[in-house]
N, C-alpha and C. Protein backbone atom coordinates (compact mmCIF):
# COMPACT_ATOMS: atom_id res chain seq x y z
N PRO A 1 21.40 0.44 31.12
CA PRO A 1 23.03 -0.73 29.99
C PRO A 1 23.53 -0.90 31.26
N THR A 2 23.09 -0.94 32.68
CA THR A 2 23.49 -1.20 33.10
C THR A 2 23.08 -3.03 33.67
N PHE A 3 21.85 -3.83 33.02
CA PHE A 3 21.62 -4.93 33.00
C PHE A 3 22.42 -5.74 32.20
N TYR A 4 23.41 -4.93 30.92
CA TYR A 4 24.26 -5.11 29.96
C TYR A 4 25.50 -4.97 29.39
N GLY A 5 25.55 -3.95 29.53
CA GLY A 5 26.10 -3.19 29.14
C GLY A 5 28.04 -3.29 30.16
N PHE A 6 27.55 -2.97 31.97
CA PHE A 6 28.78 -3.30 32.90
C PHE A 6 29.36 -4.41 31.87
N ARG A 7 28.37 -5.72 31.40
CA ARG A 7 29.48 -7.06 31.46
C ARG A 7 29.95 -6.29 30.37
N TRP A 8 29.81 -5.63 29.14
CA TRP A 8 30.55 -5.88 27.86
C TRP A 8 32.04 -5.60 28.28
N ILE A 9 31.54 -4.10 29.32
CA ILE A 9 32.79 -3.10 28.86
C ILE A 9 33.42 -3.48 29.71
N THR A 10 33.40 -4.33 31.91
CA THR A 10 34.14 -4.86 32.05
C THR A 10 34.79 -6.25 31.94
N LEU A 11 34.51 -7.15 30.47
CA LEU A 11 35.29 -8.00 29.78
C LEU A 11 35.41 -7.85 28.50
N LEU A 12 35.58 -6.92 28.52
CA LEU A 12 35.87 -6.13 26.89
C LEU A 12 35.01 -6.71 25.99
N MET A 13 33.53 -7.55 26.00
CA MET A 13 33.48 -8.42 24.70
C MET A 13 33.37 -9.87 24.34
N THR A 14 34.84 -9.91 25.66
CA THR A 14 34.58 -11.74 25.30
C THR A 14 33.15 -12.60 25.39
N GLN A 15 32.17 -12.41 26.60
CA GLN A 15 31.49 -13.89 26.46
C GLN A 15 30.80 -13.01 24.87
N GLU A 16 30.41 -12.44 24.53
CA GLU A 16 29.48 -12.38 23.24
C GLU A 16 30.34 -12.73 21.92
N PHE A 17 31.64 -12.81 21.71
CA PHE A 17 31.18 -13.50 20.17
C PHE A 17 32.46 -14.69 21.05
N ASP A 18 33.49 -15.10 19.55
CA ASP A 18 34.02 -16.11 19.13
C ASP A 18 35.83 -15.80 19.62
N LEU A 19 36.42 -16.32 20.62
CA LEU A 19 37.69 -15.79 20.18
C LEU A 19 38.49 -14.96 18.99
N PRO A 20 37.88 -15.46 18.17
CA PRO A 20 39.02 -15.03 17.12
C PRO A 20 38.52 -13.27 16.21
N ASP A 21 36.86 -13.65 16.89
CA ASP A 21 36.04 -12.14 16.54
C ASP A 21 37.03 -10.96 17.31
N VAL A 22 37.33 -12.20 18.88
CA VAL A 22 36.80 -11.19 20.63
C VAL A 22 38.97 -10.25 20.09
N LEU A 23 39.81 -11.16 19.16
CA LEU A 23 41.24 -11.08 19.32
C LEU A 23 40.92 -9.76 18.05
N ARG A 24 40.31 -10.05 17.02
CA ARG A 24 40.09 -8.05 16.04
C ARG A 24 39.06 -7.15 16.67
N LEU A 25 38.29 -7.02 17.56
CA LEU A 25 37.96 -6.11 18.30
C LEU A 25 39.38 -5.53 19.33
N TRP A 26 39.79 -6.63 20.10
CA TRP A 26 40.98 -5.91 20.56
C TRP A 26 41.88 -5.46 20.02
N ASP A 27 41.79 -5.86 18.65
CA ASP A 27 43.33 -5.43 17.88
C ASP A 27 43.14 -3.81 17.48
N SER A 28 41.53 -3.57 17.28
CA SER A 28 40.99 -2.49 17.21
C SER A 28 41.11 -2.12 18.23
N LEU A 29 40.88 -2.04 19.38
CA LEU A 29 40.44 -1.23 20.08
C LEU A 29 41.85 -0.77 21.41
N PHE A 30 43.07 -1.41 20.91
CA PHE A 30 44.39 -1.04 21.36
C PHE A 30 45.23 -0.22 20.59
N ALA A 31 44.75 -0.66 19.24
CA ALA A 31 45.61 0.32 17.97
C ALA A 31 44.61 1.84 18.36
N ASP A 32 44.15 1.35 18.74
CA ASP A 32 43.55 3.46 19.60
C ASP A 32 43.92 3.88 20.04
N PRO A 33 44.47 5.49 20.59
CA PRO A 33 43.96 5.73 21.33
C PRO A 33 44.28 5.84 22.89
N CYS A 34 42.33 5.90 21.61
CA CYS A 34 41.83 6.61 23.05
C CYS A 34 40.73 5.46 23.21
N ARG A 35 41.52 4.43 24.32
CA ARG A 35 40.98 2.49 23.41
C ARG A 35 39.85 2.25 23.51
N PHE A 36 39.42 3.17 25.55
CA PHE A 36 38.67 2.92 25.78
C PHE A 36 37.60 3.66 25.51
N ASP A 37 37.66 4.97 24.94
CA ASP A 37 36.67 5.51 24.31
C ASP A 37 35.68 4.67 22.76
N PHE A 38 37.26 4.29 22.81
CA PHE A 38 36.33 3.68 20.98
C PHE A 38 35.38 2.53 21.86
N LEU A 39 35.44 1.86 22.79
CA LEU A 39 34.88 0.59 23.08
C LEU A 39 33.17 0.84 23.46
N ILE A 40 33.48 1.92 24.46
CA ILE A 40 31.93 3.00 23.89
C ILE A 40 30.95 2.57 23.39
N TYR A 41 31.68 3.39 21.72
CA TYR A 41 31.28 3.70 20.72
C TYR A 41 30.94 1.59 20.10
N PHE A 42 31.57 0.85 19.97
CA PHE A 42 31.73 -0.34 20.02
C PHE A 42 30.23 -0.25 20.80
N CYS A 43 29.87 -0.33 21.76
CA CYS A 43 28.67 -1.02 23.11
C CYS A 43 27.86 -0.75 21.83
N ALA A 44 27.89 0.95 21.65
CA ALA A 44 26.77 1.88 20.85
C ALA A 44 26.11 0.94 19.61
N ALA A 45 27.27 1.28 18.69
CA ALA A 45 26.65 0.15 17.80
C ALA A 45 26.14 -1.28 17.97
N VAL A 46 27.44 -2.05 19.17
CA VAL A 46 25.99 -3.58 18.85
C VAL A 46 24.38 -3.55 19.39
N VAL A 47 24.19 -1.99 20.28
CA VAL A 47 22.52 -2.04 19.80
C VAL A 47 21.81 -1.70 19.16
N LEU A 48 22.69 -0.41 18.69
CA LEU A 48 22.11 0.14 17.47
C LEU A 48 21.31 -0.83 15.75
N SER A 49 22.93 -2.50 16.28
CA SER A 49 22.55 -2.56 14.48
C SER A 49 21.00 -3.70 15.31
N ILE A 50 20.67 -4.21 16.74
CA ILE A 50 19.60 -4.85 16.80
C ILE A 50 17.90 -3.90 17.48
N ARG A 51 19.15 -2.84 16.30
CA ARG A 51 17.31 -1.28 17.59
C ARG A 51 15.83 -2.21 16.71
N ASP A 52 15.78 -2.65 15.38
CA ASP A 52 14.88 -2.52 14.95
C ASP A 52 13.58 -3.67 15.81
N ASP A 53 14.44 -5.34 16.41
CA ASP A 53 14.52 -6.27 16.82
C ASP A 53 13.48 -5.60 18.39
N LEU A 54 13.91 -5.07 19.10
CA LEU A 54 13.83 -4.52 20.56
C LEU A 54 12.97 -3.85 20.92
N LEU A 55 12.87 -2.51 19.45
CA LEU A 55 11.62 -1.96 18.97
C LEU A 55 10.32 -2.01 18.73
N ALA A 56 10.73 -3.63 18.60
CA ALA A 56 9.58 -4.35 18.04
C ALA A 56 9.26 -5.45 18.78
N HIS A 57 9.40 -6.01 19.06
CA HIS A 57 9.58 -6.96 20.39
C HIS A 57 8.49 -6.05 21.76
N ASN A 58 9.21 -4.05 22.26
CA ASN A 58 8.34 -3.62 23.17
C ASN A 58 8.38 -3.72 24.49
N ASP A 59 8.80 -4.84 24.48
CA ASP A 59 9.00 -5.91 26.15
C ASP A 59 10.61 -5.83 26.70
N PHE A 60 10.48 -4.93 27.59
CA PHE A 60 11.51 -5.38 29.06
C PHE A 60 12.78 -6.16 29.06
N ALA A 61 11.55 -7.15 28.91
CA ALA A 61 12.51 -8.71 29.73
C ALA A 61 13.14 -9.21 29.02
N TYR A 62 12.53 -8.48 27.16
CA TYR A 62 12.95 -9.66 25.96
C TYR A 62 14.04 -9.08 25.88
N CYS A 63 14.02 -7.51 25.22
CA CYS A 63 14.92 -6.82 24.85
C CYS A 63 16.59 -6.83 26.10
N VAL A 64 16.27 -6.42 27.44
CA VAL A 64 17.64 -7.31 28.36
C VAL A 64 17.28 -8.97 28.40
N LYS A 65 16.96 -9.16 28.49
CA LYS A 65 17.52 -11.26 27.58
C LYS A 65 19.09 -11.33 25.85
N ALA A 66 17.81 -10.36 25.18
CA ALA A 66 18.89 -9.76 23.89
C ALA A 66 20.45 -9.89 24.27
N LEU A 67 19.59 -7.98 25.06
CA LEU A 67 21.34 -7.52 25.26
C LEU A 67 22.41 -8.35 25.48
N GLN A 68 21.65 -9.39 26.74
CA GLN A 68 22.43 -10.50 27.86
C GLN A 68 23.14 -11.44 26.85
N ARG A 69 22.32 -11.99 26.30
CA ARG A 69 22.67 -12.65 25.67
C ARG A 69 22.86 -12.29 24.32
N PHE A 70 23.85 -11.41 23.81
CA PHE A 70 24.31 -11.58 22.41
C PHE A 70 24.21 -12.06 22.40
N ASP A 71 25.10 -13.47 21.55
CA ASP A 71 26.11 -14.32 20.63
C ASP A 71 26.12 -14.05 19.74
N GLY A 72 26.30 -12.84 19.62
CA GLY A 72 27.60 -12.75 17.73
C GLY A 72 26.10 -12.30 16.65
N ARG A 73 24.77 -12.22 17.33
CA ARG A 73 23.99 -12.43 16.52
C ARG A 73 24.13 -11.29 15.21
N VAL A 74 24.93 -10.22 15.12
CA VAL A 74 25.67 -9.86 14.28
C VAL A 74 26.82 -9.64 14.22
N PRO A 75 27.76 -10.16 12.96
CA PRO A 75 29.57 -9.71 13.15
C PRO A 75 29.60 -9.33 12.62
N LEU A 76 30.58 -8.94 13.56
CA LEU A 76 31.58 -8.31 14.31
C LEU A 76 32.01 -7.42 13.04
N HIS A 77 32.11 -8.29 11.92
CA HIS A 77 33.12 -7.13 11.10
C HIS A 77 32.09 -5.84 10.06
N ALA A 78 30.68 -6.47 10.74
CA ALA A 78 29.46 -5.66 10.38
C ALA A 78 29.58 -4.43 11.30
N LEU A 79 30.11 -4.82 12.66
CA LEU A 79 29.65 -4.05 13.94
C LEU A 79 30.39 -2.47 13.56
N LEU A 80 32.00 -3.10 13.52
CA LEU A 80 33.35 -2.60 12.74
C LEU A 80 32.83 -1.59 12.77
N PRO A 81 32.71 -0.83 11.63
CA PRO A 81 32.10 -0.11 10.87
C PRO A 81 30.95 0.95 11.06
N LEU A 82 30.42 0.44 11.36
CA LEU A 82 29.61 1.20 12.34
C LEU A 82 30.19 2.09 13.49
N ALA A 83 31.09 0.52 14.20
CA ALA A 83 31.55 2.00 15.70
C ALA A 83 32.21 2.65 14.86
N MET A 84 32.68 2.48 13.93
CA MET A 84 33.78 3.75 13.65
C MET A 84 33.15 4.97 12.97
N LYS A 85 32.40 4.59 12.21
CA LYS A 85 31.43 5.85 12.62
C LYS A 85 30.49 5.71 13.19
N LEU A 86 30.12 5.65 13.98
CA LEU A 86 29.29 6.49 15.58
C LEU A 86 31.59 7.86 15.72
N TYR A 87 32.61 6.97 15.81
CA TYR A 87 33.11 7.19 16.61
C TYR A 87 33.36 8.14 15.78
N ALA A 88 34.02 8.09 14.71
CA ALA A 88 34.56 9.36 14.05
C ALA A 88 32.97 10.62 13.80
N GLU A 89 32.70 10.37 13.91
CA GLU A 89 31.18 11.87 14.69
C GLU A 89 31.55 12.42 15.67
């Protein structure tokens, strides 16, 4: 997580998504009383969303690069429900 998660959390995902998506994510974060707890679950949802691809390559360098350059591989509207489901559990 140090290789990709630090940037995700400190920059609140601004480097991974376009501005409209970032604003939608921030709306979800700020609407929750435990804001930054939800951010951790959102980050987990991002990793889970490309899990099969990461496992298929089985290469550390590929995995780190894929996570550092997520660049909206999975649309935000698909990630938010997964993050909310993880958060609810």
